[in-house]
Amino acid sequence: MAVLVTGAAVGVPVWLRPLPGPEHPGTSATAAVAAHSRPPQVRAGPRDAARAAAVLRRWDLARARAWAGGDERRLRALYAAGSTAGAADVRMLRAWSRRSLTVSGLRTQLLRVEVQSEGDGLWQLVVTDRVSGADVVAPSGRVRRLPAGPVTTRLVTLLRAGERWQVSSVRPA
């Protein structure tokens, strides 16, 4: 679940730290969270955390594939409509692509997942993770390994969209 900021590794944005700030009120993602009729129920069981961790691992792998393929459409599909985190992720992918750079082998180390609340198609998770590595590939074929990022803890809201989960918001925990 690691997200993006600008870094100095190769003079372009680097995938290392969480995005600051809450989602903007009134976005579609915010409206979708508010539309769930049943209030979330707190769940603290290890089975729920293991289930949430499995969802996050699949999500992280899908995101890594979208980044490696430079695929904005696939990346955007991982986020709920109106998600500020999703918009920032797509902007960062574009920034790398404009420089003809590809980010491959993106790896996220999931250290802890706590299910803060769960409702009808909604999960609020406290996630501690870090980007454990990635490679930047230049058009020449030159590969530069990016360093591991810092450990961060964030509140991640996921919404169910059919058979998959989408990230609605990412905030500091």
N, C-alpha and C. Protein backbone atom coordinates (compact mmCIF):
# COMPACT_ATOMS: atom_id res chain seq x y z
N MET A 1 0.80 -1.18 0.00
CA MET A 1 0.00 0.00 0.00
C MET A 1 0.85 1.25 0.00
N ALA A 2 2.07 1.15 -0.30
CA ALA A 2 2.92 2.32 -0.29
C ALA A 2 2.49 3.28 -1.38
N VAL A 3 2.67 4.55 -1.14
CA VAL A 3 2.27 5.56 -2.11
C VAL A 3 3.43 6.49 -2.44
N LEU A 4 3.20 7.47 -3.26
CA LEU A 4 4.26 8.21 -3.92
C LEU A 4 4.58 9.58 -3.36
N VAL A 5 5.82 10.01 -3.52
CA VAL A 5 6.25 11.40 -3.39
C VAL A 5 7.42 11.62 -4.32
N THR A 6 7.95 12.82 -4.32
CA THR A 6 9.10 13.11 -5.17
C THR A 6 10.37 12.80 -4.40
N GLY A 7 11.34 12.22 -5.08
CA GLY A 7 12.61 11.91 -4.46
C GLY A 7 13.75 12.23 -5.38
N ALA A 8 14.95 12.02 -4.91
CA ALA A 8 16.12 12.42 -5.68
C ALA A 8 16.86 11.26 -6.33
N ALA A 9 16.36 10.05 -6.24
CA ALA A 9 17.09 8.88 -6.74
C ALA A 9 17.58 9.07 -8.17
N VAL A 10 16.71 9.50 -9.06
CA VAL A 10 17.14 9.75 -10.43
C VAL A 10 16.57 11.08 -10.91
N GLY A 11 16.29 11.97 -9.97
CA GLY A 11 15.80 13.28 -10.32
C GLY A 11 14.34 13.31 -10.74
N VAL A 12 13.60 12.24 -10.44
CA VAL A 12 12.18 12.17 -10.76
C VAL A 12 11.43 11.63 -9.55
N PRO A 13 10.12 11.61 -9.59
CA PRO A 13 9.37 11.12 -8.43
C PRO A 13 9.76 9.68 -8.07
N VAL A 14 9.78 9.41 -6.78
CA VAL A 14 10.12 8.09 -6.28
C VAL A 14 8.97 7.57 -5.42
N TRP A 15 8.72 6.33 -5.49
CA TRP A 15 7.64 5.63 -4.83
C TRP A 15 8.07 5.25 -3.43
N LEU A 16 7.98 6.15 -2.45
CA LEU A 16 8.52 5.83 -1.15
C LEU A 16 7.65 6.19 0.04
N ARG A 17 6.90 7.26 0.01
CA ARG A 17 6.24 7.72 1.22
C ARG A 17 4.75 7.93 1.01
N PRO A 18 4.00 8.04 2.11
CA PRO A 18 2.55 8.23 1.96
C PRO A 18 2.22 9.62 1.46
N LEU A 19 1.08 9.73 0.80
CA LEU A 19 0.57 11.02 0.38
C LEU A 19 0.03 11.74 1.60
N PRO A 20 0.29 13.04 1.74
CA PRO A 20 -0.21 13.76 2.90
C PRO A 20 -1.69 14.12 2.73
N GLY A 21 -2.35 14.31 3.86
CA GLY A 21 -3.68 14.89 3.85
C GLY A 21 -4.83 13.94 3.58
N PRO A 22 -6.00 14.29 4.06
CA PRO A 22 -7.19 13.48 3.85
C PRO A 22 -7.76 13.67 2.46
N GLU A 23 -8.65 12.79 2.08
CA GLU A 23 -9.38 12.94 0.83
C GLU A 23 -10.19 14.22 0.90
N HIS A 24 -10.43 14.85 -0.23
CA HIS A 24 -11.23 16.06 -0.28
C HIS A 24 -12.70 15.71 -0.12
N PRO A 25 -13.42 16.41 0.77
CA PRO A 25 -14.84 16.13 0.93
C PRO A 25 -15.58 16.37 -0.39
N GLY A 26 -16.61 15.58 -0.61
CA GLY A 26 -17.42 15.78 -1.79
C GLY A 26 -16.97 15.01 -3.01
N THR A 27 -15.84 14.29 -2.94
CA THR A 27 -15.42 13.50 -4.08
C THR A 27 -16.28 12.25 -4.17
N SER A 28 -16.24 11.60 -5.31
CA SER A 28 -17.04 10.39 -5.48
C SER A 28 -16.65 9.32 -4.47
N ALA A 29 -15.34 9.20 -4.18
CA ALA A 29 -14.90 8.18 -3.23
C ALA A 29 -15.47 8.47 -1.85
N THR A 30 -15.47 9.74 -1.45
CA THR A 30 -16.03 10.10 -0.16
C THR A 30 -17.53 9.82 -0.14
N ALA A 31 -18.21 10.16 -1.22
CA ALA A 31 -19.64 9.91 -1.30
C ALA A 31 -19.93 8.41 -1.24
N ALA A 32 -19.09 7.60 -1.88
CA ALA A 32 -19.29 6.15 -1.87
C ALA A 32 -19.16 5.59 -0.46
N VAL A 33 -18.19 6.09 0.30
CA VAL A 33 -18.04 5.63 1.68
C VAL A 33 -19.27 6.02 2.49
N ALA A 34 -19.75 7.25 2.31
CA ALA A 34 -20.91 7.73 3.06
C ALA A 34 -22.18 6.98 2.67
N ALA A 35 -22.23 6.43 1.47
CA ALA A 35 -23.44 5.78 0.98
C ALA A 35 -23.70 4.42 1.60
N HIS A 36 -22.73 3.83 2.26
CA HIS A 36 -22.93 2.52 2.87
C HIS A 36 -23.91 2.66 4.03
N SER A 37 -24.99 1.88 3.96
CA SER A 37 -26.09 2.06 4.89
C SER A 37 -25.80 1.57 6.31
N ARG A 38 -25.08 0.49 6.42
CA ARG A 38 -24.81 -0.04 7.75
C ARG A 38 -23.54 0.59 8.31
N PRO A 39 -23.54 0.98 9.59
CA PRO A 39 -22.31 1.52 10.16
C PRO A 39 -21.25 0.42 10.25
N PRO A 40 -19.99 0.78 10.08
CA PRO A 40 -18.93 -0.22 10.18
C PRO A 40 -18.91 -0.86 11.57
N GLN A 41 -18.51 -2.11 11.61
CA GLN A 41 -18.38 -2.82 12.87
C GLN A 41 -16.89 -3.05 13.12
N VAL A 42 -16.48 -2.85 14.36
CA VAL A 42 -15.08 -3.04 14.69
C VAL A 42 -14.78 -4.53 14.73
N ARG A 43 -13.68 -4.90 14.11
CA ARG A 43 -13.22 -6.28 14.11
C ARG A 43 -11.74 -6.26 14.45
N ALA A 44 -11.35 -7.06 15.42
CA ALA A 44 -9.96 -7.07 15.81
C ALA A 44 -9.34 -8.45 15.72
N GLY A 45 -10.08 -9.41 15.17
CA GLY A 45 -9.58 -10.78 15.14
C GLY A 45 -8.45 -10.99 14.16
N PRO A 46 -7.56 -11.93 14.48
CA PRO A 46 -6.43 -12.22 13.60
C PRO A 46 -6.88 -12.76 12.24
N ARG A 47 -8.01 -13.45 12.18
CA ARG A 47 -8.51 -13.97 10.90
C ARG A 47 -8.87 -12.82 9.97
N ASP A 48 -9.49 -11.77 10.51
CA ASP A 48 -9.86 -10.61 9.71
C ASP A 48 -8.62 -9.87 9.21
N ALA A 49 -7.62 -9.74 10.08
CA ALA A 49 -6.38 -9.08 9.69
C ALA A 49 -5.66 -9.89 8.61
N ALA A 50 -5.68 -11.21 8.72
CA ALA A 50 -5.03 -12.06 7.71
C ALA A 50 -5.76 -11.93 6.37
N ARG A 51 -7.08 -11.86 6.41
CA ARG A 51 -7.87 -11.68 5.19
C ARG A 51 -7.56 -10.33 4.54
N ALA A 52 -7.50 -9.29 5.36
CA ALA A 52 -7.18 -7.95 4.86
C ALA A 52 -5.77 -7.90 4.29
N ALA A 53 -4.82 -8.56 4.94
CA ALA A 53 -3.44 -8.59 4.45
C ALA A 53 -3.37 -9.28 3.09
N ALA A 54 -4.13 -10.34 2.91
CA ALA A 54 -4.14 -11.04 1.62
C ALA A 54 -4.69 -10.13 0.52
N VAL A 55 -5.74 -9.36 0.84
CA VAL A 55 -6.31 -8.42 -0.13
C VAL A 55 -5.27 -7.36 -0.48
N LEU A 56 -4.59 -6.82 0.52
CA LEU A 56 -3.58 -5.79 0.27
C LEU A 56 -2.41 -6.33 -0.56
N ARG A 57 -1.99 -7.55 -0.30
CA ARG A 57 -0.88 -8.13 -1.08
C ARG A 57 -1.28 -8.27 -2.55
N ARG A 58 -2.50 -8.75 -2.81
CA ARG A 58 -2.97 -8.86 -4.20
C ARG A 58 -3.06 -7.48 -4.84
N TRP A 59 -3.53 -6.49 -4.08
CA TRP A 59 -3.65 -5.13 -4.58
C TRP A 59 -2.27 -4.57 -4.92
N ASP A 60 -1.31 -4.77 -4.02
CA ASP A 60 0.06 -4.29 -4.25
C ASP A 60 0.67 -4.93 -5.50
N LEU A 61 0.43 -6.22 -5.71
CA LEU A 61 0.95 -6.90 -6.90
C LEU A 61 0.32 -6.34 -8.17
N ALA A 62 -0.99 -6.09 -8.13
CA ALA A 62 -1.66 -5.51 -9.31
C ALA A 62 -1.12 -4.11 -9.58
N ARG A 63 -0.85 -3.37 -8.55
CA ARG A 63 -0.30 -2.02 -8.71
C ARG A 63 1.11 -2.08 -9.30
N ALA A 64 1.91 -3.01 -8.80
CA ALA A 64 3.27 -3.17 -9.32
C ALA A 64 3.24 -3.52 -10.81
N ARG A 65 2.30 -4.39 -11.21
CA ARG A 65 2.16 -4.74 -12.64
C ARG A 65 1.75 -3.53 -13.47
N ALA A 66 0.83 -2.73 -12.95
CA ALA A 66 0.40 -1.53 -13.68
C ALA A 66 1.56 -0.56 -13.85
N TRP A 67 2.35 -0.37 -12.80
CA TRP A 67 3.51 0.52 -12.88
C TRP A 67 4.54 -0.04 -13.86
N ALA A 68 4.83 -1.32 -13.79
CA ALA A 68 5.84 -1.92 -14.68
C ALA A 68 5.41 -1.82 -16.14
N GLY A 69 4.11 -1.87 -16.39
CA GLY A 69 3.61 -1.78 -17.76
C GLY A 69 3.30 -0.36 -18.19
N GLY A 70 3.48 0.61 -17.27
CA GLY A 70 3.15 1.99 -17.59
C GLY A 70 1.68 2.16 -17.94
N ASP A 71 0.82 1.35 -17.31
CA ASP A 71 -0.59 1.26 -17.68
C ASP A 71 -1.47 2.10 -16.75
N GLU A 72 -1.77 3.32 -17.19
CA GLU A 72 -2.60 4.23 -16.40
C GLU A 72 -4.00 3.68 -16.15
N ARG A 73 -4.58 3.06 -17.15
CA ARG A 73 -5.93 2.52 -17.02
C ARG A 73 -5.99 1.46 -15.92
N ARG A 74 -5.04 0.53 -15.93
CA ARG A 74 -5.01 -0.52 -14.90
C ARG A 74 -4.74 0.07 -13.53
N LEU A 75 -3.88 1.08 -13.48
CA LEU A 75 -3.57 1.72 -12.20
C LEU A 75 -4.80 2.44 -11.66
N ARG A 76 -5.46 3.21 -12.50
CA ARG A 76 -6.66 3.95 -12.11
C ARG A 76 -7.74 3.01 -11.60
N ALA A 77 -7.86 1.82 -12.20
CA ALA A 77 -8.89 0.86 -11.81
C ALA A 77 -8.69 0.31 -10.40
N LEU A 78 -7.52 0.49 -9.83
CA LEU A 78 -7.26 0.03 -8.47
C LEU A 78 -7.81 0.97 -7.41
N TYR A 79 -8.24 2.15 -7.84
CA TYR A 79 -8.73 3.18 -6.93
C TYR A 79 -10.20 3.48 -7.19
N ALA A 80 -10.92 3.85 -6.14
CA ALA A 80 -12.31 4.28 -6.28
C ALA A 80 -12.35 5.60 -7.04
N ALA A 81 -13.43 5.82 -7.76
CA ALA A 81 -13.60 7.09 -8.49
C ALA A 81 -13.47 8.25 -7.53
N GLY A 82 -12.70 9.25 -7.92
CA GLY A 82 -12.52 10.43 -7.09
C GLY A 82 -11.46 10.31 -6.02
N SER A 83 -10.77 9.19 -5.93
CA SER A 83 -9.74 9.00 -4.91
C SER A 83 -8.55 9.93 -5.18
N THR A 84 -8.23 10.74 -4.20
CA THR A 84 -7.08 11.64 -4.32
C THR A 84 -5.79 10.85 -4.43
N ALA A 85 -5.68 9.78 -3.68
CA ALA A 85 -4.49 8.93 -3.74
C ALA A 85 -4.33 8.34 -5.13
N GLY A 86 -5.44 7.91 -5.73
CA GLY A 86 -5.40 7.34 -7.08
C GLY A 86 -4.97 8.37 -8.10
N ALA A 87 -5.51 9.58 -8.00
CA ALA A 87 -5.14 10.65 -8.93
C ALA A 87 -3.65 10.96 -8.82
N ALA A 88 -3.13 11.00 -7.60
CA ALA A 88 -1.71 11.27 -7.41
C ALA A 88 -0.84 10.15 -7.96
N ASP A 89 -1.29 8.92 -7.78
CA ASP A 89 -0.55 7.76 -8.28
C ASP A 89 -0.45 7.82 -9.82
N VAL A 90 -1.56 8.13 -10.47
CA VAL A 90 -1.57 8.23 -11.93
C VAL A 90 -0.67 9.38 -12.39
N ARG A 91 -0.72 10.52 -11.69
CA ARG A 91 0.16 11.65 -12.05
C ARG A 91 1.63 11.25 -11.96
N MET A 92 1.97 10.49 -10.93
CA MET A 92 3.36 10.08 -10.76
C MET A 92 3.77 9.11 -11.86
N LEU A 93 2.90 8.18 -12.22
CA LEU A 93 3.20 7.26 -13.31
C LEU A 93 3.44 8.04 -14.60
N ARG A 94 2.62 9.04 -14.86
CA ARG A 94 2.81 9.90 -16.05
C ARG A 94 4.16 10.60 -16.02
N ALA A 95 4.55 11.08 -14.84
CA ALA A 95 5.84 11.78 -14.71
C ALA A 95 7.00 10.85 -15.08
N TRP A 96 6.95 9.62 -14.62
CA TRP A 96 8.00 8.65 -14.97
C TRP A 96 7.95 8.38 -16.47
N SER A 97 6.75 8.16 -16.99
CA SER A 97 6.58 7.83 -18.41
C SER A 97 7.05 8.96 -19.32
N ARG A 98 6.79 10.22 -18.94
CA ARG A 98 7.26 11.36 -19.74
C ARG A 98 8.78 11.36 -19.88
N ARG A 99 9.45 10.79 -18.90
CA ARG A 99 10.92 10.72 -18.93
C ARG A 99 11.40 9.41 -19.55
N SER A 100 10.44 8.64 -20.09
CA SER A 100 10.74 7.33 -20.70
C SER A 100 11.38 6.37 -19.73
N LEU A 101 11.00 6.48 -18.47
CA LEU A 101 11.51 5.58 -17.43
C LEU A 101 10.39 4.64 -17.01
N THR A 102 10.78 3.41 -16.71
CA THR A 102 9.84 2.39 -16.25
C THR A 102 10.23 1.97 -14.84
N VAL A 103 9.24 1.81 -13.98
CA VAL A 103 9.49 1.31 -12.63
C VAL A 103 9.06 -0.15 -12.61
N SER A 104 10.02 -1.03 -12.41
CA SER A 104 9.70 -2.46 -12.40
C SER A 104 10.12 -3.09 -11.08
N GLY A 105 9.58 -4.25 -10.81
CA GLY A 105 9.96 -4.98 -9.60
C GLY A 105 9.58 -4.27 -8.32
N LEU A 106 8.53 -3.47 -8.36
CA LEU A 106 8.09 -2.75 -7.17
C LEU A 106 7.65 -3.75 -6.11
N ARG A 107 8.28 -3.68 -4.95
CA ARG A 107 7.98 -4.60 -3.86
C ARG A 107 7.57 -3.83 -2.61
N THR A 108 6.47 -4.25 -2.01
CA THR A 108 5.98 -3.64 -0.78
C THR A 108 6.05 -4.67 0.33
N GLN A 109 6.66 -4.28 1.44
CA GLN A 109 6.76 -5.15 2.60
C GLN A 109 5.64 -4.75 3.56
N LEU A 110 4.68 -5.63 3.72
CA LEU A 110 3.55 -5.40 4.60
C LEU A 110 3.95 -5.88 5.99
N LEU A 111 4.02 -4.95 6.95
CA LEU A 111 4.51 -5.28 8.28
C LEU A 111 3.39 -5.54 9.29
N ARG A 112 2.28 -4.81 9.14
CA ARG A 112 1.17 -4.98 10.09
C ARG A 112 -0.11 -4.47 9.45
N VAL A 113 -1.19 -5.19 9.69
CA VAL A 113 -2.52 -4.77 9.24
C VAL A 113 -3.48 -4.95 10.41
N GLU A 114 -4.20 -3.90 10.72
CA GLU A 114 -5.23 -3.96 11.75
C GLU A 114 -6.54 -3.53 11.11
N VAL A 115 -7.56 -4.35 11.26
CA VAL A 115 -8.87 -3.99 10.75
C VAL A 115 -9.51 -3.07 11.79
N GLN A 116 -9.60 -1.79 11.43
CA GLN A 116 -10.19 -0.82 12.35
C GLN A 116 -11.71 -0.92 12.32
N SER A 117 -12.26 -1.08 11.12
CA SER A 117 -13.70 -1.27 11.00
C SER A 117 -14.01 -1.95 9.67
N GLU A 118 -15.13 -2.63 9.67
CA GLU A 118 -15.57 -3.34 8.47
C GLU A 118 -17.08 -3.21 8.39
N GLY A 119 -17.56 -2.86 7.21
CA GLY A 119 -18.99 -2.74 7.01
C GLY A 119 -19.37 -3.35 5.68
N ASP A 120 -20.51 -3.01 5.18
CA ASP A 120 -21.03 -3.53 3.93
C ASP A 120 -20.19 -3.02 2.75
N GLY A 121 -19.20 -3.81 2.33
CA GLY A 121 -18.35 -3.42 1.21
C GLY A 121 -17.34 -2.34 1.53
N LEU A 122 -17.00 -2.18 2.79
CA LEU A 122 -16.09 -1.13 3.23
C LEU A 122 -15.14 -1.68 4.29
N TRP A 123 -13.87 -1.40 4.12
CA TRP A 123 -12.87 -1.75 5.14
C TRP A 123 -12.07 -0.52 5.47
N GLN A 124 -11.84 -0.29 6.74
CA GLN A 124 -10.90 0.74 7.17
C GLN A 124 -9.79 0.00 7.91
N LEU A 125 -8.58 0.14 7.37
CA LEU A 125 -7.44 -0.62 7.87
C LEU A 125 -6.34 0.32 8.34
N VAL A 126 -5.68 -0.05 9.41
CA VAL A 126 -4.45 0.64 9.80
C VAL A 126 -3.33 -0.24 9.26
N VAL A 127 -2.56 0.32 8.32
CA VAL A 127 -1.56 -0.45 7.58
C VAL A 127 -0.17 0.12 7.86
N THR A 128 0.73 -0.76 8.27
CA THR A 128 2.14 -0.40 8.43
C THR A 128 2.90 -1.17 7.37
N ASP A 129 3.63 -0.43 6.52
CA ASP A 129 4.37 -1.07 5.43
C ASP A 129 5.50 -0.17 4.97
N ARG A 130 6.20 -0.64 3.96
CA ARG A 130 7.24 0.16 3.32
C ARG A 130 7.52 -0.43 1.95
N VAL A 131 7.98 0.41 1.07
CA VAL A 131 8.45 -0.08 -0.22
C VAL A 131 9.82 -0.69 0.06
N SER A 132 9.99 -1.96 -0.26
CA SER A 132 11.26 -2.62 0.04
C SER A 132 12.20 -2.61 -1.16
N GLY A 133 11.71 -2.13 -2.31
CA GLY A 133 12.60 -2.00 -3.45
C GLY A 133 11.85 -1.87 -4.76
N ALA A 134 12.56 -1.41 -5.75
CA ALA A 134 12.05 -1.29 -7.12
C ALA A 134 13.26 -0.94 -8.00
N ASP A 135 13.08 -1.13 -9.29
CA ASP A 135 14.12 -0.78 -10.25
C ASP A 135 13.58 0.25 -11.22
N VAL A 136 14.42 1.20 -11.59
CA VAL A 136 14.07 2.16 -12.63
C VAL A 136 14.85 1.74 -13.87
N VAL A 137 14.13 1.55 -14.97
CA VAL A 137 14.75 1.12 -16.22
C VAL A 137 14.68 2.27 -17.21
N ALA A 138 15.86 2.69 -17.69
CA ALA A 138 15.97 3.77 -18.67
C ALA A 138 15.80 3.19 -20.08
N PRO A 139 15.51 4.06 -21.06
CA PRO A 139 15.36 3.57 -22.44
C PRO A 139 16.61 2.84 -22.94
N SER A 140 17.77 3.19 -22.41
CA SER A 140 19.02 2.54 -22.80
C SER A 140 19.13 1.12 -22.25
N GLY A 141 18.23 0.77 -21.32
CA GLY A 141 18.30 -0.53 -20.67
C GLY A 141 19.01 -0.48 -19.33
N ARG A 142 19.60 0.66 -19.03
CA ARG A 142 20.29 0.81 -17.75
C ARG A 142 19.28 0.71 -16.61
N VAL A 143 19.62 -0.07 -15.60
CA VAL A 143 18.75 -0.29 -14.46
C VAL A 143 19.36 0.34 -13.21
N ARG A 144 18.54 1.05 -12.50
CA ARG A 144 18.99 1.65 -11.24
C ARG A 144 18.04 1.19 -10.14
N ARG A 145 18.60 0.56 -9.12
CA ARG A 145 17.81 0.07 -8.00
C ARG A 145 17.46 1.25 -7.09
N LEU A 146 16.16 1.34 -6.75
CA LEU A 146 15.73 2.37 -5.81
C LEU A 146 15.87 1.83 -4.39
N PRO A 147 16.20 2.71 -3.46
CA PRO A 147 16.37 2.26 -2.07
C PRO A 147 15.03 1.93 -1.43
N ALA A 148 15.09 1.17 -0.37
CA ALA A 148 13.88 0.88 0.42
C ALA A 148 13.39 2.17 1.04
N GLY A 149 12.10 2.28 1.18
CA GLY A 149 11.50 3.46 1.79
C GLY A 149 11.36 3.29 3.29
N PRO A 150 10.95 4.34 3.95
CA PRO A 150 10.76 4.28 5.40
C PRO A 150 9.49 3.49 5.75
N VAL A 151 9.44 3.01 6.95
CA VAL A 151 8.23 2.35 7.44
C VAL A 151 7.22 3.45 7.75
N THR A 152 5.99 3.27 7.25
CA THR A 152 4.92 4.24 7.49
C THR A 152 3.67 3.51 7.96
N THR A 153 2.84 4.23 8.69
CA THR A 153 1.55 3.69 9.13
C THR A 153 0.47 4.66 8.67
N ARG A 154 -0.52 4.09 7.98
CA ARG A 154 -1.59 4.91 7.42
C ARG A 154 -2.94 4.25 7.63
N LEU A 155 -3.99 5.08 7.57
CA LEU A 155 -5.36 4.59 7.58
C LEU A 155 -5.78 4.48 6.12
N VAL A 156 -6.08 3.26 5.69
CA VAL A 156 -6.44 2.98 4.30
C VAL A 156 -7.90 2.55 4.28
N THR A 157 -8.70 3.21 3.44
CA THR A 157 -10.10 2.84 3.27
C THR A 157 -10.25 2.13 1.93
N LEU A 158 -10.79 0.90 1.98
CA LEU A 158 -11.03 0.11 0.78
C LEU A 158 -12.54 -0.03 0.57
N LEU A 159 -12.95 0.05 -0.69
CA LEU A 159 -14.34 -0.18 -1.07
C LEU A 159 -14.41 -1.37 -2.00
N ARG A 160 -15.43 -2.21 -1.81
CA ARG A 160 -15.61 -3.36 -2.69
C ARG A 160 -16.29 -2.88 -3.97
N ALA A 161 -15.70 -3.30 -5.10
CA ALA A 161 -16.25 -2.99 -6.43
C ALA A 161 -16.39 -4.32 -7.15
N GLY A 162 -17.54 -4.95 -7.04
CA GLY A 162 -17.73 -6.28 -7.62
C GLY A 162 -16.90 -7.29 -6.85
N GLU A 163 -16.00 -7.95 -7.56
CA GLU A 163 -15.15 -8.98 -6.94
C GLU A 163 -13.81 -8.43 -6.46
N ARG A 164 -13.57 -7.15 -6.62
CA ARG A 164 -12.27 -6.60 -6.23
C ARG A 164 -12.44 -5.47 -5.23
N TRP A 165 -11.33 -5.12 -4.62
CA TRP A 165 -11.30 -4.02 -3.67
C TRP A 165 -10.55 -2.85 -4.30
N GLN A 166 -11.07 -1.63 -4.09
CA GLN A 166 -10.41 -0.42 -4.57
C GLN A 166 -10.06 0.46 -3.39
N VAL A 167 -8.94 1.18 -3.51
CA VAL A 167 -8.55 2.12 -2.47
C VAL A 167 -9.36 3.40 -2.65
N SER A 168 -10.01 3.79 -1.58
CA SER A 168 -10.79 5.03 -1.60
C SER A 168 -9.96 6.19 -1.04
N SER A 169 -9.28 5.94 0.07
CA SER A 169 -8.46 7.01 0.67
C SER A 169 -7.27 6.42 1.40
N VAL A 170 -6.24 7.25 1.52
CA VAL A 170 -5.03 6.91 2.27
C VAL A 170 -4.69 8.16 3.09
N ARG A 171 -4.64 7.99 4.40
CA ARG A 171 -4.36 9.12 5.31
C ARG A 171 -3.35 8.72 6.35
N PRO A 172 -2.64 9.69 6.91
CA PRO A 172 -1.77 9.35 8.04
C PRO A 172 -2.60 8.76 9.18
N ALA A 173 -2.05 7.77 9.84
CA ALA A 173 -2.79 7.13 10.96
C ALA A 173 -2.55 7.89 12.25
